[in-house]
Structure formats: C-alpha cells, structure tokens
Full PDB file with SEQRES, HELIX, SHEET, SSBOND, CRYST1, ORIGX, SCALE, CONECT and MASTER records, all heavy atoms in Angstrom:
SEQRES   1 A   39  CYS ALA ALA SER GLY SER ILE PHE LYS ILE ASN ALA MET          
SEQRES   2 A   39  GLY TRP TYR ARG GLN ALA PRO GLY LYS GLN ARG GLU LEU          
SEQRES   3 A   39  VAL ALA THR ILE THR ARG GLY GLY SER THR ASN TYR ALA          
HELIX    1 AA1 ILE A    7  LYS A    9  5                                   3    
SHEET    1 AA1 3 ALA A  12  ARG A  17  0                                        
SHEET    2 AA1 3 GLU A  25  THR A  31 -1                                        
SHEET    3 AA1 3 THR A  36  TYR A  38 -1                                        
CRYST1    1.000    1.000    1.000  90.00  90.00  90.00 P 1           1          
ORIGX1      1.000000  0.000000  0.000000        0.00000                         
ORIGX2      0.000000  1.000000  0.000000        0.00000                         
ORIGX3      0.000000  0.000000  1.000000        0.00000                         
SCALE1      1.000000  0.000000  0.000000        0.00000                         
SCALE2      0.000000  1.000000  0.000000        0.00000                         
SCALE3      0.000000  0.000000  1.000000        0.00000                         
ATOM      1  N   CYS A   1      20.527  -0.422 -30.075  1.00  0.00           N  
ATOM      2  CA  CYS A   1      19.599   0.577 -30.689  1.00  0.00           C  
ATOM      3  C   CYS A   1      20.492   1.749 -31.086  1.00  0.00           C  
ATOM      4  O   CYS A   1      20.939   2.476 -30.205  1.00  0.00           O  
ATOM      5  CB  CYS A   1      18.418   0.960 -29.803  1.00  0.00           C  
ATOM      6  SG  CYS A   1      17.395   2.375 -30.501  1.00  0.00           S  
ATOM      7  N   ALA A   2      20.762   1.865 -32.344  1.00  0.00           N  
ATOM      8  CA  ALA A   2      21.595   2.996 -32.865  1.00  0.00           C  
ATOM      9  C   ALA A   2      20.709   4.168 -33.356  1.00  0.00           C  
ATOM     10  O   ALA A   2      19.795   3.956 -34.099  1.00  0.00           O  
ATOM     11  CB  ALA A   2      22.368   2.594 -34.001  1.00  0.00           C  
ATOM     12  N   ALA A   3      20.922   5.360 -32.724  1.00  0.00           N  
ATOM     13  CA  ALA A   3      20.229   6.515 -32.896  1.00  0.00           C  
ATOM     14  C   ALA A   3      20.875   7.426 -33.832  1.00  0.00           C  
ATOM     15  O   ALA A   3      22.178   7.625 -33.748  1.00  0.00           O  
ATOM     16  CB  ALA A   3      19.850   7.217 -31.682  1.00  0.00           C  
ATOM     17  N   SER A   4      20.157   8.033 -34.791  1.00  0.00           N  
ATOM     18  CA  SER A   4      20.695   9.113 -35.728  1.00  0.00           C  
ATOM     19  C   SER A   4      19.818  10.238 -35.948  1.00  0.00           C  
ATOM     20  O   SER A   4      18.510  10.063 -35.684  1.00  0.00           O  
ATOM     21  CB  SER A   4      21.175   8.473 -37.001  1.00  0.00           C  
ATOM     22  OG  SER A   4      20.028   7.891 -37.817  1.00  0.00           O  
ATOM     23  N   GLY A   5      20.204  11.428 -36.329  1.00  0.00           N  
ATOM     24  CA  GLY A   5      19.349  12.475 -36.570  1.00  0.00           C  
ATOM     25  C   GLY A   5      19.544  13.515 -35.458  1.00  0.00           C  
ATOM     26  O   GLY A   5      20.667  13.757 -35.010  1.00  0.00           O  
ATOM     27  N   SER A   6      18.388  13.993 -34.970  1.00  0.00           N  
ATOM     28  CA  SER A   6      18.320  15.055 -33.917  1.00  0.00           C  
ATOM     29  C   SER A   6      18.617  14.401 -32.525  1.00  0.00           C  
ATOM     30  O   SER A   6      17.754  14.624 -31.586  1.00  0.00           O  
ATOM     31  CB  SER A   6      17.089  15.907 -33.967  1.00  0.00           C  
ATOM     32  OG  SER A   6      16.974  16.506 -35.259  1.00  0.00           O  
ATOM     33  N   ILE A   7      19.679  13.747 -32.390  1.00  0.00           N  
ATOM     34  CA  ILE A   7      19.933  12.988 -31.073  1.00  0.00           C  
ATOM     35  C   ILE A   7      20.059  13.867 -29.866  1.00  0.00           C  
ATOM     36  O   ILE A   7      19.782  13.408 -28.847  1.00  0.00           O  
ATOM     37  CB  ILE A   7      21.058  12.046 -31.194  1.00  0.00           C  
ATOM     38  CG1 ILE A   7      22.314  12.777 -31.620  1.00  0.00           C  
ATOM     39  CG2 ILE A   7      20.755  10.910 -32.214  1.00  0.00           C  
ATOM     40  CD1 ILE A   7      23.542  11.945 -31.641  1.00  0.00           C  
ATOM     41  N   PHE A   8      20.536  15.122 -30.117  1.00  0.00           N  
ATOM     42  CA  PHE A   8      20.693  16.029 -29.021  1.00  0.00           C  
ATOM     43  C   PHE A   8      19.375  16.495 -28.425  1.00  0.00           C  
ATOM     44  O   PHE A   8      19.396  16.969 -27.221  1.00  0.00           O  
ATOM     45  CB  PHE A   8      21.381  17.336 -29.482  1.00  0.00           C  
ATOM     46  CG  PHE A   8      20.773  18.098 -30.581  1.00  0.00           C  
ATOM     47  CD1 PHE A   8      19.963  19.110 -30.181  1.00  0.00           C  
ATOM     48  CD2 PHE A   8      20.864  17.674 -31.852  1.00  0.00           C  
ATOM     49  CE1 PHE A   8      19.236  19.817 -31.157  1.00  0.00           C  
ATOM     50  CE2 PHE A   8      20.241  18.427 -32.926  1.00  0.00           C  
ATOM     51  CZ  PHE A   8      19.296  19.575 -32.509  1.00  0.00           C  
ATOM     52  N   LYS A   9      18.229  16.134 -29.045  1.00  0.00           N  
ATOM     53  CA  LYS A   9      16.974  16.526 -28.486  1.00  0.00           C  
ATOM     54  C   LYS A   9      16.347  15.440 -27.750  1.00  0.00           C  
ATOM     55  O   LYS A   9      15.172  15.520 -27.153  1.00  0.00           O  
ATOM     56  CB  LYS A   9      16.019  16.853 -29.623  1.00  0.00           C  
ATOM     57  CG  LYS A   9      16.483  18.173 -30.411  1.00  0.00           C  
ATOM     58  CD  LYS A   9      15.432  18.434 -31.465  1.00  0.00           C  
ATOM     59  CE  LYS A   9      15.788  19.846 -32.178  1.00  0.00           C  
ATOM     60  NZ  LYS A   9      14.795  20.241 -33.220  1.00  0.00           N  
ATOM     61  N   ILE A  10      17.052  14.268 -27.523  1.00  0.00           N  
ATOM     62  CA  ILE A  10      16.456  13.095 -26.947  1.00  0.00           C  
ATOM     63  C   ILE A  10      16.377  13.273 -25.417  1.00  0.00           C  
ATOM     64  O   ILE A  10      17.556  13.553 -24.841  1.00  0.00           O  
ATOM     65  CB  ILE A  10      17.238  11.748 -27.381  1.00  0.00           C  
ATOM     66  CG1 ILE A  10      17.021  11.484 -28.848  1.00  0.00           C  
ATOM     67  CG2 ILE A  10      16.644  10.583 -26.581  1.00  0.00           C  
ATOM     68  CD1 ILE A  10      17.826  10.272 -29.292  1.00  0.00           C  
ATOM     69  N   ASN A  11      15.348  13.156 -24.910  1.00  0.00           N  
ATOM     70  CA  ASN A  11      15.143  13.278 -23.328  1.00  0.00           C  
ATOM     71  C   ASN A  11      15.476  11.949 -22.689  1.00  0.00           C  
ATOM     72  O   ASN A  11      16.284  11.785 -21.710  1.00  0.00           O  
ATOM     73  CB  ASN A  11      13.845  13.648 -22.935  1.00  0.00           C  
ATOM     74  CG  ASN A  11      13.524  15.055 -23.416  1.00  0.00           C  
ATOM     75  OD1 ASN A  11      14.359  15.999 -23.365  1.00  0.00           O  
ATOM     76  ND2 ASN A  11      12.257  15.331 -23.769  1.00  0.00           N  
ATOM     77  N   ALA A  12      14.910  10.859 -23.255  1.00  0.00           N  
ATOM     78  CA  ALA A  12      15.153   9.520 -22.645  1.00  0.00           C  
ATOM     79  C   ALA A  12      14.980   8.506 -23.806  1.00  0.00           C  
ATOM     80  O   ALA A  12      14.367   8.856 -24.786  1.00  0.00           O  
ATOM     81  CB  ALA A  12      14.169   9.302 -21.531  1.00  0.00           C  
ATOM     82  N   MET A  13      15.549   7.306 -23.497  1.00  0.00           N  
ATOM     83  CA  MET A  13      15.346   6.184 -24.479  1.00  0.00           C  
ATOM     84  C   MET A  13      14.814   5.064 -23.655  1.00  0.00           C  
ATOM     85  O   MET A  13      15.108   4.927 -22.507  1.00  0.00           O  
ATOM     86  CB  MET A  13      16.560   5.974 -25.194  1.00  0.00           C  
ATOM     87  CG  MET A  13      16.899   6.995 -26.115  1.00  0.00           C  
ATOM     88  SD  MET A  13      18.327   6.683 -27.227  1.00  0.00           S  
ATOM     89  CE  MET A  13      17.480   5.466 -28.319  1.00  0.00           C  
ATOM     90  N   GLY A  14      14.183   4.114 -24.400  1.00  0.00           N  
ATOM     91  CA  GLY A  14      13.700   2.919 -23.655  1.00  0.00           C  
ATOM     92  C   GLY A  14      13.505   1.771 -24.618  1.00  0.00           C  
ATOM     93  O   GLY A  14      13.582   1.803 -25.864  1.00  0.00           O  
ATOM     94  N   TRP A  15      13.258   0.614 -23.974  1.00  0.00           N  
ATOM     95  CA  TRP A  15      12.941  -0.650 -24.732  1.00  0.00           C  
ATOM     96  C   TRP A  15      11.617  -1.009 -24.260  1.00  0.00           C  
ATOM     97  O   TRP A  15      11.276  -0.996 -23.109  1.00  0.00           O  
ATOM     98  CB  TRP A  15      13.954  -1.710 -24.426  1.00  0.00           C  
ATOM     99  CG  TRP A  15      15.256  -1.521 -24.985  1.00  0.00           C  
ATOM    100  CD1 TRP A  15      16.379  -0.911 -24.408  1.00  0.00           C  
ATOM    101  CD2 TRP A  15      15.611  -1.908 -26.395  1.00  0.00           C  
ATOM    102  NE1 TRP A  15      17.405  -0.939 -25.266  1.00  0.00           N  
ATOM    103  CE2 TRP A  15      17.043  -1.531 -26.523  1.00  0.00           C  
ATOM    104  CE3 TRP A  15      15.010  -2.502 -27.387  1.00  0.00           C  
ATOM    105  CZ2 TRP A  15      17.805  -1.853 -27.686  1.00  0.00           C  
ATOM    106  CZ3 TRP A  15      15.712  -2.744 -28.577  1.00  0.00           C  
ATOM    107  CH2 TRP A  15      17.089  -2.415 -28.731  1.00  0.00           C  
ATOM    108  N   TYR A  16      10.765  -1.409 -25.331  1.00  0.00           N  
ATOM    109  CA  TYR A  16       9.413  -1.940 -25.096  1.00  0.00           C  
ATOM    110  C   TYR A  16       9.285  -3.275 -25.810  1.00  0.00           C  
ATOM    111  O   TYR A  16      10.152  -3.537 -26.671  1.00  0.00           O  
ATOM    112  CB  TYR A  16       8.289  -0.907 -25.533  1.00  0.00           C  
ATOM    113  CG  TYR A  16       8.320   0.362 -24.895  1.00  0.00           C  
ATOM    114  CD1 TYR A  16       9.358   1.359 -25.048  1.00  0.00           C  
ATOM    115  CD2 TYR A  16       7.334   0.757 -23.917  1.00  0.00           C  
ATOM    116  CE1 TYR A  16       9.389   2.563 -24.412  1.00  0.00           C  
ATOM    117  CE2 TYR A  16       7.309   1.941 -23.191  1.00  0.00           C  
ATOM    118  CZ  TYR A  16       8.336   2.801 -23.542  1.00  0.00           C  
ATOM    119  OH  TYR A  16       8.334   4.028 -22.813  1.00  0.00           O  
ATOM    120  N   ARG A  17       8.403  -4.016 -25.462  1.00  0.00           N  
ATOM    121  CA  ARG A  17       8.191  -5.276 -26.144  1.00  0.00           C  
ATOM    122  C   ARG A  17       6.677  -5.482 -26.321  1.00  0.00           C  
ATOM    123  O   ARG A  17       5.797  -5.068 -25.568  1.00  0.00           O  
ATOM    124  CB  ARG A  17       8.871  -6.461 -25.324  1.00  0.00           C  
ATOM    125  CG  ARG A  17       8.224  -6.751 -24.059  1.00  0.00           C  
ATOM    126  CD  ARG A  17       9.050  -7.794 -23.293  1.00  0.00           C  
ATOM    127  NE  ARG A  17       8.487  -8.203 -22.100  1.00  0.00           N  
ATOM    128  CZ  ARG A  17       9.148  -8.990 -21.083  1.00  0.00           C  
ATOM    129  NH1 ARG A  17      10.351  -9.468 -21.420  1.00  0.00           N  
ATOM    130  NH2 ARG A  17       8.549  -9.278 -19.983  1.00  0.00           N  
ATOM    131  N   GLN A  18       6.388  -6.345 -27.324  1.00  0.00           N  
ATOM    132  CA  GLN A  18       5.051  -6.791 -27.599  1.00  0.00           C  
ATOM    133  C   GLN A  18       5.030  -8.216 -28.021  1.00  0.00           C  
ATOM    134  O   GLN A  18       5.652  -8.546 -29.109  1.00  0.00           O  
ATOM    135  CB  GLN A  18       4.341  -5.952 -28.692  1.00  0.00           C  
ATOM    136  CG  GLN A  18       2.887  -6.154 -28.880  1.00  0.00           C  
ATOM    137  CD  GLN A  18       2.136  -5.054 -29.781  1.00  0.00           C  
ATOM    138  OE1 GLN A  18       2.904  -4.283 -30.431  1.00  0.00           O  
ATOM    139  NE2 GLN A  18       0.899  -4.948 -29.528  1.00  0.00           N  
ATOM    140  N   ALA A  19       4.343  -8.992 -27.296  1.00  0.00           N  
ATOM    141  CA  ALA A  19       4.235 -10.440 -27.595  1.00  0.00           C  
ATOM    142  C   ALA A  19       2.897 -10.576 -28.304  1.00  0.00           C  
ATOM    143  O   ALA A  19       2.014  -9.771 -28.220  1.00  0.00           O  
ATOM    144  CB  ALA A  19       4.078 -11.210 -26.186  1.00  0.00           C  
ATOM    145  N   PRO A  20       2.759 -11.749 -29.096  1.00  0.00           N  
ATOM    146  CA  PRO A  20       1.562 -11.948 -29.952  1.00  0.00           C  
ATOM    147  C   PRO A  20       0.276 -11.974 -29.101  1.00  0.00           C  
ATOM    148  O   PRO A  20       0.172 -12.528 -28.010  1.00  0.00           O  
ATOM    149  CB  PRO A  20       1.730 -13.265 -30.467  1.00  0.00           C  
ATOM    150  CG  PRO A  20       3.244 -13.415 -30.546  1.00  0.00           C  
ATOM    151  CD  PRO A  20       3.771 -12.759 -29.312  1.00  0.00           C  
ATOM    152  N   GLY A  21      -0.636 -11.082 -29.445  1.00  0.00           N  
ATOM    153  CA  GLY A  21      -1.943 -11.123 -28.776  1.00  0.00           C  
ATOM    154  C   GLY A  21      -2.003 -10.233 -27.446  1.00  0.00           C  
ATOM    155  O   GLY A  21      -2.924 -10.225 -26.718  1.00  0.00           O  
ATOM    156  N   LYS A  22      -0.784  -9.635 -27.167  1.00  0.00           N  
ATOM    157  CA  LYS A  22      -0.727  -8.782 -26.004  1.00  0.00           C  
ATOM    158  C   LYS A  22      -0.379  -7.420 -26.278  1.00  0.00           C  
ATOM    159  O   LYS A  22       0.032  -7.032 -27.309  1.00  0.00           O  
ATOM    160  CB  LYS A  22       0.417  -9.394 -25.029  1.00  0.00           C  
ATOM    161  CG  LYS A  22       0.170 -10.778 -24.463  1.00  0.00           C  
ATOM    162  CD  LYS A  22       1.215 -11.118 -23.536  1.00  0.00           C  
ATOM    163  CE  LYS A  22       0.889 -12.517 -22.879  1.00  0.00           C  
ATOM    164  NZ  LYS A  22       1.857 -12.882 -21.822  1.00  0.00           N  
ATOM    165  N   GLN A  23      -0.642  -6.504 -25.355  1.00  0.00           N  
ATOM    166  CA  GLN A  23      -0.363  -5.079 -25.595  1.00  0.00           C  
ATOM    167  C   GLN A  23       1.145  -4.840 -25.386  1.00  0.00           C  
ATOM    168  O   GLN A  23       1.892  -5.657 -24.718  1.00  0.00           O  
ATOM    169  CB  GLN A  23      -1.082  -4.256 -24.469  1.00  0.00           C  
ATOM    170  CG  GLN A  23      -2.625  -4.148 -24.695  1.00  0.00           C  
ATOM    171  CD  GLN A  23      -3.267  -3.168 -23.831  1.00  0.00           C  
ATOM    172  OE1 GLN A  23      -2.789  -2.961 -22.710  1.00  0.00           O  
ATOM    173  NE2 GLN A  23      -4.378  -2.560 -24.256  1.00  0.00           N  
ATOM    174  N   ARG A  24       1.654  -3.812 -25.908  1.00  0.00           N  
ATOM    175  CA  ARG A  24       3.047  -3.415 -25.807  1.00  0.00           C  
ATOM    176  C   ARG A  24       3.352  -3.011 -24.466  1.00  0.00           C  
ATOM    177  O   ARG A  24       2.481  -2.307 -23.787  1.00  0.00           O  
ATOM    178  CB  ARG A  24       3.428  -2.239 -26.733  1.00  0.00           C  
ATOM    179  CG  ARG A  24       4.778  -1.853 -26.789  1.00  0.00           C  
ATOM    180  CD  ARG A  24       5.053  -0.955 -27.935  1.00  0.00           C  
ATOM    181  NE  ARG A  24       4.292   0.178 -27.960  1.00  0.00           N  
ATOM    182  CZ  ARG A  24       4.091   1.013 -28.968  1.00  0.00           C  
ATOM    183  NH1 ARG A  24       4.755   0.758 -30.133  1.00  0.00           N  
ATOM    184  NH2 ARG A  24       3.308   2.067 -28.937  1.00  0.00           N  
ATOM    185  N   GLU A  25       4.387  -3.478 -23.830  1.00  0.00           N  
ATOM    186  CA  GLU A  25       4.782  -3.118 -22.471  1.00  0.00           C  
ATOM    187  C   GLU A  25       6.132  -2.560 -22.339  1.00  0.00           C  
ATOM    188  O   GLU A  25       7.049  -2.846 -23.083  1.00  0.00           O  
ATOM    189  CB  GLU A  25       4.567  -4.309 -21.537  1.00  0.00           C  
ATOM    190  CG  GLU A  25       5.533  -5.489 -21.911  1.00  0.00           C  
ATOM    191  CD  GLU A  25       5.432  -6.575 -20.959  1.00  0.00           C  
ATOM    192  OE1 GLU A  25       4.720  -6.583 -19.881  1.00  0.00           O  
ATOM    193  OE2 GLU A  25       6.078  -7.572 -21.088  1.00  0.00           O  
ATOM    194  N   LEU A  26       6.391  -1.758 -21.314  1.00  0.00           N  
ATOM    195  CA  LEU A  26       7.629  -1.139 -21.015  1.00  0.00           C  
ATOM    196  C   LEU A  26       8.574  -2.255 -20.482  1.00  0.00           C  
ATOM    197  O   LEU A  26       8.132  -3.054 -19.673  1.00  0.00           O  
ATOM    198  CB  LEU A  26       7.495  -0.096 -19.934  1.00  0.00           C  
ATOM    199  CG  LEU A  26       8.804   0.503 -19.295  1.00  0.00           C  
ATOM    200  CD1 LEU A  26       9.506   1.276 -20.370  1.00  0.00           C  
ATOM    201  CD2 LEU A  26       8.443   1.263 -17.941  1.00  0.00           C  
ATOM    202  N   VAL A  27       9.734  -2.173 -21.043  1.00  0.00           N  
ATOM    203  CA  VAL A  27      10.843  -3.073 -20.400  1.00  0.00           C  
ATOM    204  C   VAL A  27      11.827  -2.292 -19.688  1.00  0.00           C  
ATOM    205  O   VAL A  27      12.009  -2.608 -18.392  1.00  0.00           O  
ATOM    206  CB  VAL A  27      11.589  -3.822 -21.646  1.00  0.00           C  
ATOM    207  CG1 VAL A  27      12.686  -4.723 -21.003  1.00  0.00           C  
ATOM    208  CG2 VAL A  27      10.532  -4.617 -22.432  1.00  0.00           C  
ATOM    209  N   ALA A  28      12.284  -1.322 -20.143  1.00  0.00           N  
ATOM    210  CA  ALA A  28      13.370  -0.486 -19.433  1.00  0.00           C  
ATOM    211  C   ALA A  28      13.571   0.866 -20.113  1.00  0.00           C  
ATOM    212  O   ALA A  28      13.328   0.943 -21.337  1.00  0.00           O  
ATOM    213  CB  ALA A  28      14.721  -1.200 -19.258  1.00  0.00           C  
ATOM    214  N   THR A  29      13.906   1.832 -19.227  1.00  0.00           N  
ATOM    215  CA  THR A  29      14.145   3.233 -19.807  1.00  0.00           C  
ATOM    216  C   THR A  29      15.399   3.728 -19.212  1.00  0.00           C  
ATOM    217  O   THR A  29      15.807   3.287 -18.075  1.00  0.00           O  
ATOM    218  CB  THR A  29      13.060   4.180 -19.615  1.00  0.00           C  
ATOM    219  OG1 THR A  29      12.778   4.320 -18.105  1.00  0.00           O  
ATOM    220  CG2 THR A  29      11.758   3.724 -20.147  1.00  0.00           C  
ATOM    221  N   ILE A  30      16.090   4.651 -19.935  1.00  0.00           N  
ATOM    222  CA  ILE A  30      17.221   5.406 -19.401  1.00  0.00           C  
ATOM    223  C   ILE A  30      17.180   6.783 -19.764  1.00  0.00           C  
ATOM    224  O   ILE A  30      16.931   7.144 -21.006  1.00  0.00           O  
ATOM    225  CB  ILE A  30      18.542   4.639 -19.825  1.00  0.00           C  
ATOM    226  CG1 ILE A  30      19.720   5.385 -19.137  1.00  0.00           C  
ATOM    227  CG2 ILE A  30      18.630   4.735 -21.371  1.00  0.00           C  
ATOM    228  CD1 ILE A  30      21.054   4.469 -19.438  1.00  0.00           C  
ATOM    229  N   THR A  31      17.374   7.834 -18.871  1.00  0.00           N  
ATOM    230  CA  THR A  31      17.271   9.103 -19.129  1.00  0.00           C  
ATOM    231  C   THR A  31      18.550   9.708 -19.698  1.00  0.00           C  
ATOM    232  O   THR A  31      19.650   9.016 -19.605  1.00  0.00           O  
ATOM    233  CB  THR A  31      16.855   9.908 -17.900  1.00  0.00           C  
ATOM    234  OG1 THR A  31      17.955   9.871 -16.968  1.00  0.00           O  
ATOM    235  CG2 THR A  31      15.522   9.390 -17.246  1.00  0.00           C  
ATOM    236  N   ARG A  32      18.521  11.001 -20.056  1.00  0.00           N  
ATOM    237  CA  ARG A  32      19.649  11.584 -20.507  1.00  0.00           C  
ATOM    238  C   ARG A  32      20.836  11.612 -19.388  1.00  0.00           C  
ATOM    239  O   ARG A  32      22.006  11.479 -19.641  1.00  0.00           O  
ATOM    240  CB  ARG A  32      19.443  13.027 -21.017  1.00  0.00           C  
ATOM    241  CG  ARG A  32      20.695  13.700 -21.508  1.00  0.00           C  
ATOM    242  CD  ARG A  32      20.290  15.215 -21.858  1.00  0.00           C  
ATOM    243  NE  ARG A  32      19.298  15.235 -22.931  1.00  0.00           N  
ATOM    244  CZ  ARG A  32      18.736  16.468 -23.304  1.00  0.00           C  
ATOM    245  NH1 ARG A  32      19.054  17.533 -22.802  1.00  0.00           N  
ATOM    246  NH2 ARG A  32      17.922  16.427 -24.287  1.00  0.00           N  
ATOM    247  N   GLY A  33      20.260  11.657 -18.071  1.00  0.00           N  
ATOM    248  CA  GLY A  33      21.305  11.753 -17.036  1.00  0.00           C  
ATOM    249  C   GLY A  33      21.691  10.355 -16.522  1.00  0.00           C  
ATOM    250  O   GLY A  33      22.571  10.313 -15.664  1.00  0.00           O  
ATOM    251  N   GLY A  34      21.160   9.422 -17.146  1.00  0.00           N  
ATOM    252  CA  GLY A  34      21.556   7.975 -16.872  1.00  0.00           C  
ATOM    253  C   GLY A  34      20.727   7.238 -15.870  1.00  0.00           C  
ATOM    254  O   GLY A  34      20.938   6.117 -15.481  1.00  0.00           O  
ATOM    255  N   SER A  35      19.566   7.832 -15.453  1.00  0.00           N  
ATOM    256  CA  SER A  35      18.671   7.104 -14.500  1.00  0.00           C  
ATOM    257  C   SER A  35      17.940   6.042 -15.194  1.00  0.00           C  
ATOM    258  O   SER A  35      17.523   6.328 -16.339  1.00  0.00           O  
ATOM    259  CB  SER A  35      17.679   8.134 -13.851  1.00  0.00           C  
ATOM    260  OG  SER A  35      18.343   9.147 -13.087  1.00  0.00           O  
ATOM    261  N   THR A  36      17.829   4.982 -14.584  1.00  0.00           N  
ATOM    262  CA  THR A  36      17.160   3.798 -15.266  1.00  0.00           C  
ATOM    263  C   THR A  36      15.889   3.352 -14.464  1.00  0.00           C  
ATOM    264  O   THR A  36      15.709   3.657 -13.306  1.00  0.00           O  
ATOM    265  CB  THR A  36      18.160   2.714 -15.266  1.00  0.00           C  
ATOM    266  OG1 THR A  36      18.486   2.310 -13.943  1.00  0.00           O  
ATOM    267  CG2 THR A  36      19.358   2.926 -16.104  1.00  0.00           C  
ATOM    268  N   ASN A  37      14.995   2.713 -15.304  1.00  0.00           N  
ATOM    269  CA  ASN A  37      13.761   2.176 -14.725  1.00  0.00           C  
ATOM    270  C   ASN A  37      13.507   0.934 -15.389  1.00  0.00           C  
ATOM    271  O   ASN A  37      13.705   0.744 -16.619  1.00  0.00           O  
ATOM    272  CB  ASN A  37      12.654   3.201 -14.935  1.00  0.00           C  
ATOM    273  CG  ASN A  37      11.316   2.727 -14.426  1.00  0.00           C  
ATOM    274  OD1 ASN A  37      11.220   2.438 -13.269  1.00  0.00           O  
ATOM    275  ND2 ASN A  37      10.299   2.705 -15.178  1.00  0.00           N  
ATOM    276  N   TYR A  38      12.985  -0.096 -14.660  1.00  0.00           N  
ATOM    277  CA  TYR A  38      12.756  -1.411 -15.251  1.00  0.00           C  
ATOM    278  C   TYR A  38      11.321  -1.909 -14.776  1.00  0.00           C  
ATOM    279  O   TYR A  38      10.823  -1.591 -13.720  1.00  0.00           O  
ATOM    280  CB  TYR A  38      13.763  -2.428 -14.647  1.00  0.00           C  
ATOM    281  CG  TYR A  38      15.139  -2.145 -15.074  1.00  0.00           C  
ATOM    282  CD1 TYR A  38      16.010  -1.430 -14.275  1.00  0.00           C  
ATOM    283  CD2 TYR A  38      15.649  -2.616 -16.153  1.00  0.00           C  
ATOM    284  CE1 TYR A  38      17.304  -1.112 -14.457  1.00  0.00           C  
ATOM    285  CE2 TYR A  38      17.041  -2.331 -16.572  1.00  0.00           C  
ATOM    286  CZ  TYR A  38      17.775  -1.654 -15.742  1.00  0.00           C  
ATOM    287  OH  TYR A  38      19.080  -1.357 -16.162  1.00  0.00           O  
ATOM    288  N   ALA A  39      10.734  -2.712 -15.710  1.00  0.00           N  
ATOM    289  CA  ALA A  39       9.546  -3.437 -15.400  1.00  0.00           C  
ATOM    290  C   ALA A  39       9.876  -4.453 -14.308  1.00  0.00           C  
ATOM    291  O   ALA A  39      11.036  -5.048 -14.333  1.00  0.00           O  
ATOM    292  CB  ALA A  39       9.021  -4.143 -16.695  1.00  0.00           C  
TER     293      ALA A  39                                                      
MASTER        0    0    0    1    3    0    0    6  292    1    0    3          
END                                                                             
C-alpha cells in the first residue's frame, strides 16, 4: 500500500478485507510508532 499526500498526518495504517456477502473486517494495523494489532 503506497501512500502519498499528507502522509505526515497519518496516525496509523491498516489492512481490512471484505468477502462477498460479509461485512468488512479488520485484518491488521500498525501505528506510527510501529505497534501492531492482528485479527
């Protein structure tokens, strides 16, 4: 995932997924400080 624009304002980034007929769900996140979280 390549980011451009006001990237200095980003607090955290993450990946989400949505399967057919299902709600979008969190997969993983990473903060500016490098802390991670996973489903």
